[in-house]
Amino acid sequence: MKIICYSIKHLKPVEQNKLQRELYGFKDISNKGKYVYRREGLLNGSNHQKIYFTGILVDNKILKELIKILRKHKAKIHVNSFSSKKSQ
């Protein structure tokens, strides 16, 4: 597992919202509320844990895709390894 920390405070709010929608998905409401669709994001259905506002603990399976999305949106990224094993 890896810890991804990212910063998006230098981005405009519209760009920040686009990134959050791509990562976590959103509810799409069409025809004045008649139809409601759940649009899935990258992290839906994956093994991840959100750490505070801009930190994510993710599996190595989706790490490359997550970094690709963060780079596309020009987020500042920092990646750390995480081990849940106790050191003796």
PDB file of N, CA and C in Angstrom:
ATOM      1  N   MET A   1       0.846  -1.177   0.000  1.00  0.00           N
ATOM      2  CA  MET A   1       0.000   0.000   0.000  1.00  0.00           C
ATOM      3  C   MET A   1       0.889   1.236   0.000  1.00  0.00           C
ATOM      4  N   LYS A   2       0.362   2.289  -0.590  1.00  0.00           N
ATOM      5  CA  LYS A   2       1.088   3.555  -0.683  1.00  0.00           C
ATOM      6  C   LYS A   2       0.210   4.678  -0.150  1.00  0.00           C
ATOM      7  N   ILE A   3       0.859   5.699   0.386  1.00  0.00           N
ATOM      8  CA  ILE A   3       0.171   6.908   0.805  1.00  0.00           C
ATOM      9  C   ILE A   3       0.448   7.972  -0.244  1.00  0.00           C
ATOM     10  N   ILE A   4      -0.601   8.532  -0.820  1.00  0.00           N
ATOM     11  CA  ILE A   4      -0.490   9.595  -1.799  1.00  0.00           C
ATOM     12  C   ILE A   4      -0.966  10.869  -1.125  1.00  0.00           C
ATOM     13  N   CYS A   5      -0.108  11.869  -1.043  1.00  0.00           N
ATOM     14  CA  CYS A   5      -0.506  13.183  -0.563  1.00  0.00           C
ATOM     15  C   CYS A   5      -0.463  14.123  -1.758  1.00  0.00           C
ATOM     16  N   TYR A   6      -1.479  14.953  -1.887  1.00  0.00           N
ATOM     17  CA  TYR A   6      -1.517  15.867  -3.022  1.00  0.00           C
ATOM     18  C   TYR A   6      -2.032  17.228  -2.583  1.00  0.00           C
ATOM     19  N   SER A   7      -1.645  18.248  -3.331  1.00  0.00           N
ATOM     20  CA  SER A   7      -2.081  19.607  -3.053  1.00  0.00           C
ATOM     21  C   SER A   7      -2.765  20.154  -4.293  1.00  0.00           C
ATOM     22  N   ILE A   8      -3.946  20.711  -4.101  1.00  0.00           N
ATOM     23  CA  ILE A   8      -4.679  21.303  -5.216  1.00  0.00           C
ATOM     24  C   ILE A   8      -5.095  22.743  -4.898  1.00  0.00           C
ATOM     25  N   LYS A   9      -4.525  23.331  -3.857  1.00  0.00           N
ATOM     26  CA  LYS A   9      -4.938  24.680  -3.465  1.00  0.00           C
ATOM     27  C   LYS A   9      -4.529  25.737  -4.488  1.00  0.00           C
ATOM     28  N   HIS A  10      -3.576  25.415  -5.369  1.00  0.00           N
ATOM     29  CA  HIS A  10      -3.172  26.367  -6.402  1.00  0.00           C
ATOM     30  C   HIS A  10      -4.103  26.341  -7.609  1.00  0.00           C
ATOM     31  N   LEU A  11      -5.016  25.373  -7.654  1.00  0.00           N
ATOM     32  CA  LEU A  11      -5.957  25.244  -8.763  1.00  0.00           C
ATOM     33  C   LEU A  11      -7.213  26.078  -8.511  1.00  0.00           C
ATOM     34  N   LYS A  12      -7.894  26.431  -9.595  1.00  0.00           N
ATOM     35  CA  LYS A  12      -9.169  27.133  -9.481  1.00  0.00           C
ATOM     36  C   LYS A  12     -10.217  26.157  -8.947  1.00  0.00           C
ATOM     37  N   PRO A  13     -11.256  26.660  -8.280  1.00  0.00           N
ATOM     38  CA  PRO A  13     -12.284  25.774  -7.729  1.00  0.00           C
ATOM     39  C   PRO A  13     -12.927  24.847  -8.766  1.00  0.00           C
ATOM     40  N   VAL A  14     -13.082  25.309  -9.989  1.00  0.00           N
ATOM     41  CA  VAL A  14     -13.661  24.464 -11.039  1.00  0.00           C
ATOM     42  C   VAL A  14     -12.759  23.254 -11.295  1.00  0.00           C
ATOM     43  N   GLU A  15     -11.449  23.471 -11.353  1.00  0.00           N
ATOM     44  CA  GLU A  15     -10.497  22.380 -11.577  1.00  0.00           C
ATOM     45  C   GLU A  15     -10.443  21.444 -10.374  1.00  0.00           C
ATOM     46  N   GLN A  16     -10.518  21.988  -9.174  1.00  0.00           N
ATOM     47  CA  GLN A  16     -10.541  21.160  -7.967  1.00  0.00           C
ATOM     48  C   GLN A  16     -11.761  20.247  -7.975  1.00  0.00           C
ATOM     49  N   ASN A  17     -12.915  20.784  -8.378  1.00  0.00           N
ATOM     50  CA  ASN A  17     -14.141  20.001  -8.427  1.00  0.00           C
ATOM     51  C   ASN A  17     -14.047  18.898  -9.472  1.00  0.00           C
ATOM     52  N   LYS A  18     -13.458  19.179 -10.628  1.00  0.00           N
ATOM     53  CA  LYS A  18     -13.294  18.163 -11.673  1.00  0.00           C
ATOM     54  C   LYS A  18     -12.447  16.999 -11.162  1.00  0.00           C
ATOM     55  N   LEU A  19     -11.371  17.322 -10.445  1.00  0.00           N
ATOM     56  CA  LEU A  19     -10.507  16.271  -9.891  1.00  0.00           C
ATOM     57  C   LEU A  19     -11.264  15.430  -8.865  1.00  0.00           C
ATOM     58  N   GLN A  20     -11.979  16.071  -7.947  1.00  0.00           N
ATOM     59  CA  GLN A  20     -12.711  15.340  -6.924  1.00  0.00           C
ATOM     60  C   GLN A  20     -13.780  14.439  -7.546  1.00  0.00           C
ATOM     61  N   ARG A  21     -14.432  14.912  -8.599  1.00  0.00           N
ATOM     62  CA  ARG A  21     -15.446  14.099  -9.286  1.00  0.00           C
ATOM     63  C   ARG A  21     -14.805  12.886  -9.953  1.00  0.00           C
ATOM     64  N   GLU A  22     -13.628  13.075 -10.540  1.00  0.00           N
ATOM     65  CA  GLU A  22     -12.966  11.961 -11.211  1.00  0.00           C
ATOM     66  C   GLU A  22     -12.472  10.918 -10.208  1.00  0.00           C
ATOM     67  N   LEU A  23     -12.096  11.359  -9.030  1.00  0.00           N
ATOM     68  CA  LEU A  23     -11.615  10.425  -8.014  1.00  0.00           C
ATOM     69  C   LEU A  23     -12.753   9.731  -7.270  1.00  0.00           C
ATOM     70  N   TYR A  24     -13.748  10.490  -6.826  1.00  0.00           N
ATOM     71  CA  TYR A  24     -14.770   9.954  -5.936  1.00  0.00           C
ATOM     72  C   TYR A  24     -16.143   9.756  -6.583  1.00  0.00           C
ATOM     73  N   GLY A  25     -16.324  10.200  -7.821  1.00  0.00           N
ATOM     74  CA  GLY A  25     -17.605  10.074  -8.487  1.00  0.00           C
ATOM     75  C   GLY A  25     -18.552  11.185  -8.072  1.00  0.00           C
ATOM     76  N   PHE A  26     -19.772  11.161  -8.637  1.00  0.00           N
ATOM     77  CA  PHE A  26     -20.760  12.181  -8.327  1.00  0.00           C
ATOM     78  C   PHE A  26     -22.149  11.699  -8.724  1.00  0.00           C
ATOM     79  N   LYS A  27     -23.150  12.429  -8.259  1.00  0.00           N
ATOM     80  CA  LYS A  27     -24.536  12.136  -8.603  1.00  0.00           C
ATOM     81  C   LYS A  27     -24.934  13.045  -9.764  1.00  0.00           C
ATOM     82  N   ASP A  28     -25.355  12.466 -10.872  1.00  0.00           N
ATOM     83  CA  ASP A  28     -25.754  13.194 -12.064  1.00  0.00           C
ATOM     84  C   ASP A  28     -27.281  13.249 -12.107  1.00  0.00           C
ATOM     85  N   ILE A  29     -27.844  14.455 -12.082  1.00  0.00           N
ATOM     86  CA  ILE A  29     -29.301  14.627 -12.079  1.00  0.00           C
ATOM     87  C   ILE A  29     -29.710  15.206 -13.425  1.00  0.00           C
ATOM     88  N   SER A  30     -30.594  14.490 -14.137  1.00  0.00           N
ATOM     89  CA  SER A  30     -31.021  14.899 -15.467  1.00  0.00           C
ATOM     90  C   SER A  30     -32.513  15.188 -15.497  1.00  0.00           C
ATOM     91  N   ASN A  31     -32.906  16.010 -16.448  1.00  0.00           N
ATOM     92  CA  ASN A  31     -34.309  16.315 -16.721  1.00  0.00           C
ATOM     93  C   ASN A  31     -35.040  16.811 -15.469  1.00  0.00           C
ATOM     94  N   LYS A  32     -34.454  17.830 -14.833  1.00  0.00           N
ATOM     95  CA  LYS A  32     -35.052  18.483 -13.641  1.00  0.00           C
ATOM     96  C   LYS A  32     -35.329  17.503 -12.506  1.00  0.00           C
ATOM     97  N   GLY A  33     -34.430  16.569 -12.307  1.00  0.00           N
ATOM     98  CA  GLY A  33     -34.543  15.628 -11.198  1.00  0.00           C
ATOM     99  C   GLY A  33     -35.315  14.363 -11.503  1.00  0.00           C
ATOM    100  N   LYS A  34     -35.759  14.211 -12.725  1.00  0.00           N
ATOM    101  CA  LYS A  34     -36.528  13.021 -13.079  1.00  0.00           C
ATOM    102  C   LYS A  34     -35.647  11.776 -13.091  1.00  0.00           C
ATOM    103  N   TYR A  35     -34.409  11.939 -13.535  1.00  0.00           N
ATOM    104  CA  TYR A  35     -33.468  10.820 -13.608  1.00  0.00           C
ATOM    105  C   TYR A  35     -32.239  11.147 -12.770  1.00  0.00           C
ATOM    106  N   VAL A  36     -31.813  10.198 -11.981  1.00  0.00           N
ATOM    107  CA  VAL A  36     -30.630  10.366 -11.140  1.00  0.00           C
ATOM    108  C   VAL A  36     -29.693   9.199 -11.413  1.00  0.00           C
ATOM    109  N   TYR A  37     -28.456   9.525 -11.756  1.00  0.00           N
ATOM    110  CA  TYR A  37     -27.452   8.507 -12.046  1.00  0.00           C
ATOM    111  C   TYR A  37     -26.266   8.698 -11.121  1.00  0.00           C
ATOM    112  N   ARG A  38     -25.696   7.613 -10.692  1.00  0.00           N
ATOM    113  CA  ARG A  38     -24.471   7.662  -9.890  1.00  0.00           C
ATOM    114  C   ARG A  38     -23.297   7.408 -10.823  1.00  0.00           C
ATOM    115  N   ARG A  39     -22.454   8.418 -11.030  1.00  0.00           N
ATOM    116  CA  ARG A  39     -21.257   8.293 -11.864  1.00  0.00           C
ATOM    117  C   ARG A  39     -20.099   7.889 -10.962  1.00  0.00           C
ATOM    118  N   GLU A  40     -19.515   6.777 -11.258  1.00  0.00           N
ATOM    119  CA  GLU A  40     -18.441   6.227 -10.427  1.00  0.00           C
ATOM    120  C   GLU A  40     -17.112   6.935 -10.698  1.00  0.00           C
ATOM    121  N   GLY A  41     -16.308   7.065  -9.667  1.00  0.00           N
ATOM    122  CA  GLY A  41     -14.971   7.603  -9.777  1.00  0.00           C
ATOM    123  C   GLY A  41     -13.946   6.480  -9.679  1.00  0.00           C
ATOM    124  N   LEU A  42     -12.680   6.825  -9.802  1.00  0.00           N
ATOM    125  CA  LEU A  42     -11.608   5.829  -9.739  1.00  0.00           C
ATOM    126  C   LEU A  42     -11.604   5.083  -8.409  1.00  0.00           C
ATOM    127  N   LEU A  43     -11.827   5.779  -7.325  1.00  0.00           N
ATOM    128  CA  LEU A  43     -11.680   5.170  -5.999  1.00  0.00           C
ATOM    129  C   LEU A  43     -12.918   4.413  -5.532  1.00  0.00           C
ATOM    130  N   ASN A  44     -14.036   4.526  -6.245  1.00  0.00           N
ATOM    131  CA  ASN A  44     -15.222   3.742  -5.889  1.00  0.00           C
ATOM    132  C   ASN A  44     -14.958   2.273  -6.168  1.00  0.00           C
ATOM    133  N   GLY A  45     -15.233   1.442  -5.213  1.00  0.00           N
ATOM    134  CA  GLY A  45     -15.038   0.009  -5.386  1.00  0.00           C
ATOM    135  C   GLY A  45     -13.602  -0.451  -5.220  1.00  0.00           C
ATOM    136  N   SER A  46     -12.702   0.445  -4.868  1.00  0.00           N
ATOM    137  CA  SER A  46     -11.305   0.040  -4.670  1.00  0.00           C
ATOM    138  C   SER A  46     -10.988   0.066  -3.175  1.00  0.00           C
ATOM    139  N   ASN A  47      -9.917  -0.588  -2.821  1.00  0.00           N
ATOM    140  CA  ASN A  47      -9.474  -0.631  -1.435  1.00  0.00           C
ATOM    141  C   ASN A  47      -8.646   0.619  -1.164  1.00  0.00           C
ATOM    142  N   HIS A  48      -9.272   1.620  -0.560  1.00  0.00           N
ATOM    143  CA  HIS A  48      -8.560   2.855  -0.238  1.00  0.00           C
ATOM    144  C   HIS A  48      -9.094   3.421   1.078  1.00  0.00           C
ATOM    145  N   GLN A  49      -8.317   4.348   1.636  1.00  0.00           N
ATOM    146  CA  GLN A  49      -8.752   5.030   2.842  1.00  0.00           C
ATOM    147  C   GLN A  49      -8.317   6.481   2.715  1.00  0.00           C
ATOM    148  N   LYS A  50      -9.269   7.384   2.882  1.00  0.00           N
ATOM    149  CA  LYS A  50      -8.962   8.802   2.787  1.00  0.00           C
ATOM    150  C   LYS A  50      -8.330   9.254   4.103  1.00  0.00           C
ATOM    151  N   ILE A  51      -7.247   9.995   4.004  1.00  0.00           N
ATOM    152  CA  ILE A  51      -6.548  10.507   5.170  1.00  0.00           C
ATOM    153  C   ILE A  51      -6.629  12.027   5.119  1.00  0.00           C
ATOM    154  N   TYR A  52      -7.350  12.592   6.014  1.00  0.00           N
ATOM    155  CA  TYR A  52      -7.617  14.027   6.071  1.00  0.00           C
ATOM    156  C   TYR A  52      -8.186  14.493   4.736  1.00  0.00           C
ATOM    157  N   PHE A  53      -7.870  15.683   4.253  1.00  0.00           N
ATOM    158  CA  PHE A  53      -8.480  16.197   3.030  1.00  0.00           C
ATOM    159  C   PHE A  53      -7.759  15.749   1.767  1.00  0.00           C
ATOM    160  N   THR A  54      -6.445  15.726   1.787  1.00  0.00           N
ATOM    161  CA  THR A  54      -5.702  15.460   0.551  1.00  0.00           C
ATOM    162  C   THR A  54      -4.687  14.342   0.715  1.00  0.00           C
ATOM    163  N   GLY A  55      -5.036  13.328   1.438  1.00  0.00           N
ATOM    164  CA  GLY A  55      -4.195  12.149   1.576  1.00  0.00           C
ATOM    165  C   GLY A  55      -5.023  10.906   1.339  1.00  0.00           C
ATOM    166  N   ILE A  56      -4.461   9.943   0.621  1.00  0.00           N
ATOM    167  CA  ILE A  56      -5.184   8.717   0.309  1.00  0.00           C
ATOM    168  C   ILE A  56      -4.239   7.535   0.492  1.00  0.00           C
ATOM    169  N   LEU A  57      -4.685   6.524   1.207  1.00  0.00           N
ATOM    170  CA  LEU A  57      -3.968   5.267   1.346  1.00  0.00           C
ATOM    171  C   LEU A  57      -4.578   4.306   0.332  1.00  0.00           C
ATOM    172  N   VAL A  58      -3.785   3.900  -0.682  1.00  0.00           N
ATOM    173  CA  VAL A  58      -4.332   3.098  -1.785  1.00  0.00           C
ATOM    174  C   VAL A  58      -3.534   1.823  -1.996  1.00  0.00           C
ATOM    175  N   ASP A  59      -4.191   0.859  -2.637  1.00  0.00           N
ATOM    176  CA  ASP A  59      -3.545  -0.372  -3.083  1.00  0.00           C
ATOM    177  C   ASP A  59      -2.610  -0.062  -4.240  1.00  0.00           C
ATOM    178  N   ASN A  60      -1.619  -0.908  -4.420  1.00  0.00           N
ATOM    179  CA  ASN A  60      -0.702  -0.736  -5.546  1.00  0.00           C
ATOM    180  C   ASN A  60      -1.399  -0.949  -6.891  1.00  0.00           C
ATOM    181  N   LYS A  61      -2.563  -1.618  -6.880  1.00  0.00           N
ATOM    182  CA  LYS A  61      -3.297  -1.907  -8.112  1.00  0.00           C
ATOM    183  C   LYS A  61      -3.736  -0.637  -8.837  1.00  0.00           C
ATOM    184  N   ILE A  62      -4.181   0.376  -8.091  1.00  0.00           N
ATOM    185  CA  ILE A  62      -4.686   1.585  -8.721  1.00  0.00           C
ATOM    186  C   ILE A  62      -3.725   2.764  -8.603  1.00  0.00           C
ATOM    187  N   LEU A  63      -2.539   2.518  -8.097  1.00  0.00           N
ATOM    188  CA  LEU A  63      -1.578   3.590  -7.864  1.00  0.00           C
ATOM    189  C   LEU A  63      -1.228   4.334  -9.148  1.00  0.00           C
ATOM    190  N   LYS A  64      -0.893   3.618 -10.218  1.00  0.00           N
ATOM    191  CA  LYS A  64      -0.499   4.265 -11.465  1.00  0.00           C
ATOM    192  C   LYS A  64      -1.627   5.103 -12.042  1.00  0.00           C
ATOM    193  N   GLU A  65      -2.849   4.568 -12.014  1.00  0.00           N
ATOM    194  CA  GLU A  65      -3.994   5.297 -12.547  1.00  0.00           C
ATOM    195  C   GLU A  65      -4.271   6.553 -11.728  1.00  0.00           C
ATOM    196  N   LEU A  66      -4.135   6.456 -10.399  1.00  0.00           N
ATOM    197  CA  LEU A  66      -4.353   7.604  -9.524  1.00  0.00           C
ATOM    198  C   LEU A  66      -3.329   8.704  -9.799  1.00  0.00           C
ATOM    199  N   ILE A  67      -2.067   8.326  -9.925  1.00  0.00           N
ATOM    200  CA  ILE A  67      -1.023   9.309 -10.213  1.00  0.00           C
ATOM    201  C   ILE A  67      -1.257   9.954 -11.578  1.00  0.00           C
ATOM    202  N   LYS A  68      -1.700   9.162 -12.543  1.00  0.00           N
ATOM    203  CA  LYS A  68      -1.990   9.683 -13.882  1.00  0.00           C
ATOM    204  C   LYS A  68      -3.086  10.757 -13.817  1.00  0.00           C
ATOM    205  N   ILE A  69      -4.145  10.495 -13.060  1.00  0.00           N
ATOM    206  CA  ILE A  69      -5.235  11.464 -12.923  1.00  0.00           C
ATOM    207  C   ILE A  69      -4.766  12.719 -12.203  1.00  0.00           C
ATOM    208  N   LEU A  70      -4.001  12.555 -11.133  1.00  0.00           N
ATOM    209  CA  LEU A  70      -3.505  13.718 -10.394  1.00  0.00           C
ATOM    210  C   LEU A  70      -2.590  14.577 -11.259  1.00  0.00           C
ATOM    211  N   ARG A  71      -1.741  13.953 -12.049  1.00  0.00           N
ATOM    212  CA  ARG A  71      -0.860  14.709 -12.952  1.00  0.00           C
ATOM    213  C   ARG A  71      -1.664  15.424 -14.035  1.00  0.00           C
ATOM    214  N   LYS A  72      -2.707  14.772 -14.537  1.00  0.00           N
ATOM    215  CA  LYS A  72      -3.554  15.379 -15.567  1.00  0.00           C
ATOM    216  C   LYS A  72      -4.168  16.684 -15.059  1.00  0.00           C
ATOM    217  N   HIS A  73      -4.509  16.704 -13.776  1.00  0.00           N
ATOM    218  CA  HIS A  73      -5.129  17.890 -13.189  1.00  0.00           C
ATOM    219  C   HIS A  73      -4.105  18.830 -12.552  1.00  0.00           C
ATOM    220  N   LYS A  74      -2.826  18.563 -12.760  1.00  0.00           N
ATOM    221  CA  LYS A  74      -1.717  19.403 -12.297  1.00  0.00           C
ATOM    222  C   LYS A  74      -1.673  19.572 -10.775  1.00  0.00           C
ATOM    223  N   ALA A  75      -1.962  18.487 -10.071  1.00  0.00           N
ATOM    224  CA  ALA A  75      -1.851  18.484  -8.615  1.00  0.00           C
ATOM    225  C   ALA A  75      -0.393  18.236  -8.229  1.00  0.00           C
ATOM    226  N   LYS A  76       0.014  18.789  -7.119  1.00  0.00           N
ATOM    227  CA  LYS A  76       1.356  18.528  -6.592  1.00  0.00           C
ATOM    228  C   LYS A  76       1.269  17.223  -5.798  1.00  0.00           C
ATOM    229  N   ILE A  77       2.158  16.261  -6.128  1.00  0.00           N
ATOM    230  CA  ILE A  77       2.031  14.902  -5.602  1.00  0.00           C
ATOM    231  C   ILE A  77       3.255  14.507  -4.784  1.00  0.00           C
ATOM    232  N   HIS A  78       2.997  13.756  -3.706  1.00  0.00           N
ATOM    233  CA  HIS A  78       4.068  13.154  -2.918  1.00  0.00           C
ATOM    234  C   HIS A  78       3.624  11.729  -2.561  1.00  0.00           C
ATOM    235  N   VAL A  79       4.462  10.729  -2.863  1.00  0.00           N
ATOM    236  CA  VAL A  79       4.126   9.318  -2.647  1.00  0.00           C
ATOM    237  C   VAL A  79       5.045   8.733  -1.579  1.00  0.00           C
ATOM    238  N   ASN A  80       4.457   8.034  -0.611  1.00  0.00           N
ATOM    239  CA  ASN A  80       5.213   7.344   0.436  1.00  0.00           C
ATOM    240  C   ASN A  80       4.769   5.899   0.524  1.00  0.00           C
ATOM    241  N   SER A  81       5.672   5.029   0.929  1.00  0.00           N
ATOM    242  CA  SER A  81       5.309   3.631   1.168  1.00  0.00           C
ATOM    243  C   SER A  81       4.686   3.503   2.556  1.00  0.00           C
ATOM    244  N   PHE A  82       3.863   2.495   2.711  1.00  0.00           N
ATOM    245  CA  PHE A  82       3.205   2.236   3.978  1.00  0.00           C
ATOM    246  C   PHE A  82       3.247   0.746   4.235  1.00  0.00           C
ATOM    247  N   SER A  83       3.672   0.382   5.430  1.00  0.00           N
ATOM    248  CA  SER A  83       3.687  -1.025   5.798  1.00  0.00           C
ATOM    249  C   SER A  83       2.912  -1.181   7.109  1.00  0.00           C
ATOM    250  N   SER A  84       1.985  -2.111   7.133  1.00  0.00           N
ATOM    251  CA  SER A  84       1.184  -2.316   8.340  1.00  0.00           C
ATOM    252  C   SER A  84       1.833  -3.337   9.269  1.00  0.00           C
ATOM    253  N   LYS A  85       2.961  -3.913   8.876  1.00  0.00           N
ATOM    254  CA  LYS A  85       3.655  -4.887   9.722  1.00  0.00           C
ATOM    255  C   LYS A  85       4.364  -4.171  10.854  1.00  0.00           C
ATOM    256  N   LYS A  86       4.301  -4.763  12.034  1.00  0.00           N
ATOM    257  CA  LYS A  86       4.994  -4.190  13.178  1.00  0.00           C
ATOM    258  C   LYS A  86       6.462  -4.541  13.118  1.00  0.00           C
ATOM    259  N   SER A  87       7.315  -3.544  13.346  1.00  0.00           N
ATOM    260  CA  SER A  87       8.760  -3.827  13.351  1.00  0.00           C
ATOM    261  C   SER A  87       9.157  -4.341  14.726  1.00  0.00           C
ATOM    262  N   GLN A  88      10.085  -5.272  14.748  1.00  0.00           N
ATOM    263  CA  GLN A  88      10.501  -5.876  16.020  1.00  0.00           C
ATOM    264  C   GLN A  88      11.919  -5.562  16.326  1.00  0.00           C
TER     265      GLN A  88
END
